[in-house]
Amino acid sequence: MPKIKTNRAAAKRFKKTGSGKYVFAKSHASHILTKKTRKRKRRLRQAHIIDKTNVKEIRLLLPNG
């Protein structure tokens, strides 16, 4: 049987935590920052957890963790 390949685009965007959840970085934090509030920029810096409705799809893209 052939090996299962990891989706490289997904591997660059999502990381698996120790507890088995998946985290990702929010978009829109790299430029045009002057019009965004301090609060909004602060929230964009933090890692966010994938919603449980999307976890099944992420698992298929990242079979090897």
N, C-alpha and C. Protein backbone atom coordinates (compact mmCIF):
# COMPACT_ATOMS: atom_id res chain seq x y z
N MET A 1 0.83 -1.20 0.00
CA MET A 1 0.00 0.00 0.00
C MET A 1 0.87 1.26 0.00
N PRO A 2 0.46 2.28 -0.73
CA PRO A 2 1.23 3.53 -0.73
C PRO A 2 1.07 4.29 0.59
N LYS A 3 2.03 5.14 0.85
CA LYS A 3 1.95 5.97 2.05
C LYS A 3 0.86 7.03 1.90
N ILE A 4 0.28 7.45 3.01
CA ILE A 4 -0.71 8.54 3.00
C ILE A 4 0.06 9.85 3.02
N LYS A 5 -0.24 10.73 2.09
CA LYS A 5 0.48 12.00 2.01
C LYS A 5 -0.23 13.09 2.81
N THR A 6 0.57 13.94 3.44
CA THR A 6 0.08 15.10 4.17
C THR A 6 -0.15 16.23 3.18
N ASN A 7 -1.23 16.95 3.34
CA ASN A 7 -1.49 18.14 2.53
C ASN A 7 -0.56 19.24 3.03
N ARG A 8 0.41 19.63 2.21
CA ARG A 8 1.45 20.57 2.64
C ARG A 8 0.90 21.97 2.93
N ALA A 9 -0.12 22.39 2.19
CA ALA A 9 -0.72 23.70 2.43
C ALA A 9 -1.34 23.74 3.82
N ALA A 10 -2.01 22.66 4.21
CA ALA A 10 -2.64 22.59 5.53
C ALA A 10 -1.58 22.48 6.63
N ALA A 11 -0.49 21.76 6.34
CA ALA A 11 0.57 21.58 7.34
C ALA A 11 1.22 22.91 7.71
N LYS A 12 1.26 23.84 6.77
CA LYS A 12 1.85 25.16 7.03
C LYS A 12 0.90 26.06 7.80
N ARG A 13 -0.38 25.75 7.81
CA ARG A 13 -1.37 26.62 8.43
C ARG A 13 -1.88 26.14 9.79
N PHE A 14 -1.88 24.83 10.02
CA PHE A 14 -2.45 24.27 11.24
C PHE A 14 -1.43 23.46 12.00
N LYS A 15 -1.48 23.57 13.34
CA LYS A 15 -0.61 22.78 14.21
C LYS A 15 -1.49 22.04 15.21
N LYS A 16 -1.08 20.83 15.55
CA LYS A 16 -1.82 20.04 16.52
C LYS A 16 -1.26 20.30 17.91
N THR A 17 -2.13 20.54 18.88
CA THR A 17 -1.70 20.79 20.25
C THR A 17 -1.50 19.46 20.98
N GLY A 18 -0.99 19.52 22.18
CA GLY A 18 -0.79 18.33 22.98
C GLY A 18 -2.08 17.61 23.32
N SER A 19 -3.16 18.38 23.43
CA SER A 19 -4.44 17.79 23.79
C SER A 19 -5.21 17.29 22.57
N GLY A 20 -4.62 17.46 21.36
CA GLY A 20 -5.25 16.94 20.15
C GLY A 20 -6.09 17.95 19.39
N LYS A 21 -6.13 19.19 19.86
CA LYS A 21 -6.87 20.24 19.14
C LYS A 21 -5.96 20.84 18.07
N TYR A 22 -6.55 21.55 17.13
CA TYR A 22 -5.78 22.19 16.06
C TYR A 22 -5.86 23.70 16.21
N VAL A 23 -4.71 24.36 16.10
CA VAL A 23 -4.65 25.82 16.20
C VAL A 23 -4.19 26.42 14.88
N PHE A 24 -4.57 27.67 14.67
CA PHE A 24 -4.19 28.38 13.45
C PHE A 24 -4.03 29.86 13.77
N ALA A 25 -3.34 30.58 12.87
CA ALA A 25 -3.16 32.01 13.02
C ALA A 25 -4.21 32.74 12.19
N LYS A 26 -4.74 33.80 12.75
CA LYS A 26 -5.75 34.60 12.04
C LYS A 26 -5.08 35.40 10.92
N SER A 27 -5.87 35.70 9.90
CA SER A 27 -5.37 36.50 8.78
C SER A 27 -5.61 37.99 9.05
N HIS A 28 -5.20 38.84 8.12
CA HIS A 28 -5.39 40.30 8.16
C HIS A 28 -4.54 41.00 9.23
N ALA A 29 -3.40 40.42 9.61
CA ALA A 29 -2.57 41.04 10.65
C ALA A 29 -1.24 41.55 10.12
N SER A 30 -1.04 41.56 8.80
CA SER A 30 0.28 41.90 8.28
C SER A 30 0.41 43.32 7.73
N HIS A 31 -0.64 43.89 7.18
CA HIS A 31 -0.53 45.26 6.65
C HIS A 31 -1.86 45.98 6.75
N ILE A 32 -1.82 47.28 6.43
CA ILE A 32 -2.97 48.20 6.63
C ILE A 32 -3.42 48.12 8.09
N LEU A 33 -2.46 48.33 9.00
CA LEU A 33 -2.74 48.19 10.42
C LEU A 33 -3.18 49.50 11.08
N THR A 34 -3.02 50.61 10.38
CA THR A 34 -3.33 51.90 11.00
C THR A 34 -4.83 52.09 11.26
N LYS A 35 -5.65 51.51 10.40
CA LYS A 35 -7.10 51.68 10.59
C LYS A 35 -7.72 50.65 11.54
N LYS A 36 -6.93 49.65 11.94
CA LYS A 36 -7.44 48.62 12.84
C LYS A 36 -7.19 49.03 14.29
N THR A 37 -8.13 48.73 15.14
CA THR A 37 -8.00 49.13 16.54
C THR A 37 -6.95 48.29 17.25
N ARG A 38 -6.46 48.80 18.38
CA ARG A 38 -5.48 48.09 19.19
C ARG A 38 -6.02 46.73 19.61
N LYS A 39 -7.26 46.73 20.03
CA LYS A 39 -7.91 45.50 20.49
C LYS A 39 -7.96 44.46 19.38
N ARG A 40 -8.32 44.90 18.18
CA ARG A 40 -8.43 43.98 17.04
C ARG A 40 -7.07 43.39 16.68
N LYS A 41 -6.02 44.22 16.66
CA LYS A 41 -4.68 43.75 16.33
C LYS A 41 -4.16 42.78 17.39
N ARG A 42 -4.48 43.05 18.64
CA ARG A 42 -4.07 42.19 19.74
C ARG A 42 -4.71 40.80 19.61
N ARG A 43 -5.98 40.77 19.23
CA ARG A 43 -6.70 39.51 19.05
C ARG A 43 -6.17 38.73 17.84
N LEU A 44 -5.72 39.43 16.81
CA LEU A 44 -5.18 38.77 15.62
C LEU A 44 -3.85 38.08 15.89
N ARG A 45 -3.12 38.56 16.92
CA ARG A 45 -1.82 37.95 17.25
C ARG A 45 -1.96 36.57 17.89
N GLN A 46 -3.08 36.34 18.54
CA GLN A 46 -3.25 35.10 19.30
C GLN A 46 -3.61 33.92 18.41
N ALA A 47 -3.21 32.74 18.84
CA ALA A 47 -3.57 31.51 18.13
C ALA A 47 -5.02 31.17 18.45
N HIS A 48 -5.74 30.66 17.47
CA HIS A 48 -7.14 30.31 17.66
C HIS A 48 -7.34 28.83 17.40
N ILE A 49 -8.31 28.25 18.08
CA ILE A 49 -8.58 26.82 17.96
C ILE A 49 -9.62 26.58 16.88
N ILE A 50 -9.40 25.54 16.07
CA ILE A 50 -10.34 25.17 15.01
C ILE A 50 -11.66 24.73 15.63
N ASP A 51 -12.76 25.17 15.06
CA ASP A 51 -14.08 24.80 15.52
C ASP A 51 -14.31 23.30 15.31
N LYS A 52 -15.07 22.68 16.20
CA LYS A 52 -15.26 21.23 16.12
C LYS A 52 -15.94 20.78 14.83
N THR A 53 -16.66 21.69 14.15
CA THR A 53 -17.32 21.33 12.89
C THR A 53 -16.32 21.13 11.76
N ASN A 54 -15.11 21.68 11.89
CA ASN A 54 -14.09 21.57 10.84
C ASN A 54 -12.97 20.60 11.17
N VAL A 55 -12.97 20.04 12.36
CA VAL A 55 -11.87 19.17 12.79
C VAL A 55 -11.76 17.92 11.92
N LYS A 56 -12.87 17.34 11.53
CA LYS A 56 -12.86 16.12 10.72
C LYS A 56 -12.12 16.35 9.40
N GLU A 57 -12.36 17.47 8.78
CA GLU A 57 -11.71 17.80 7.51
C GLU A 57 -10.21 18.02 7.68
N ILE A 58 -9.83 18.69 8.77
CA ILE A 58 -8.41 18.95 9.05
C ILE A 58 -7.68 17.63 9.30
N ARG A 59 -8.32 16.69 9.99
CA ARG A 59 -7.71 15.38 10.26
C ARG A 59 -7.40 14.63 8.96
N LEU A 60 -8.28 14.76 7.97
CA LEU A 60 -8.04 14.11 6.68
C LEU A 60 -6.84 14.73 5.96
N LEU A 61 -6.69 16.05 6.10
CA LEU A 61 -5.58 16.74 5.45
C LEU A 61 -4.24 16.48 6.14
N LEU A 62 -4.30 16.23 7.46
CA LEU A 62 -3.07 16.01 8.24
C LEU A 62 -3.12 14.62 8.90
N PRO A 63 -2.98 13.55 8.13
CA PRO A 63 -3.11 12.21 8.69
C PRO A 63 -1.98 11.82 9.64
N ASN A 64 -0.82 12.44 9.50
CA ASN A 64 0.33 12.06 10.33
C ASN A 64 0.58 13.00 11.50
N GLY A 65 -0.42 13.76 11.86
CA GLY A 65 -0.29 14.67 12.99
C GLY A 65 0.14 16.01 12.54
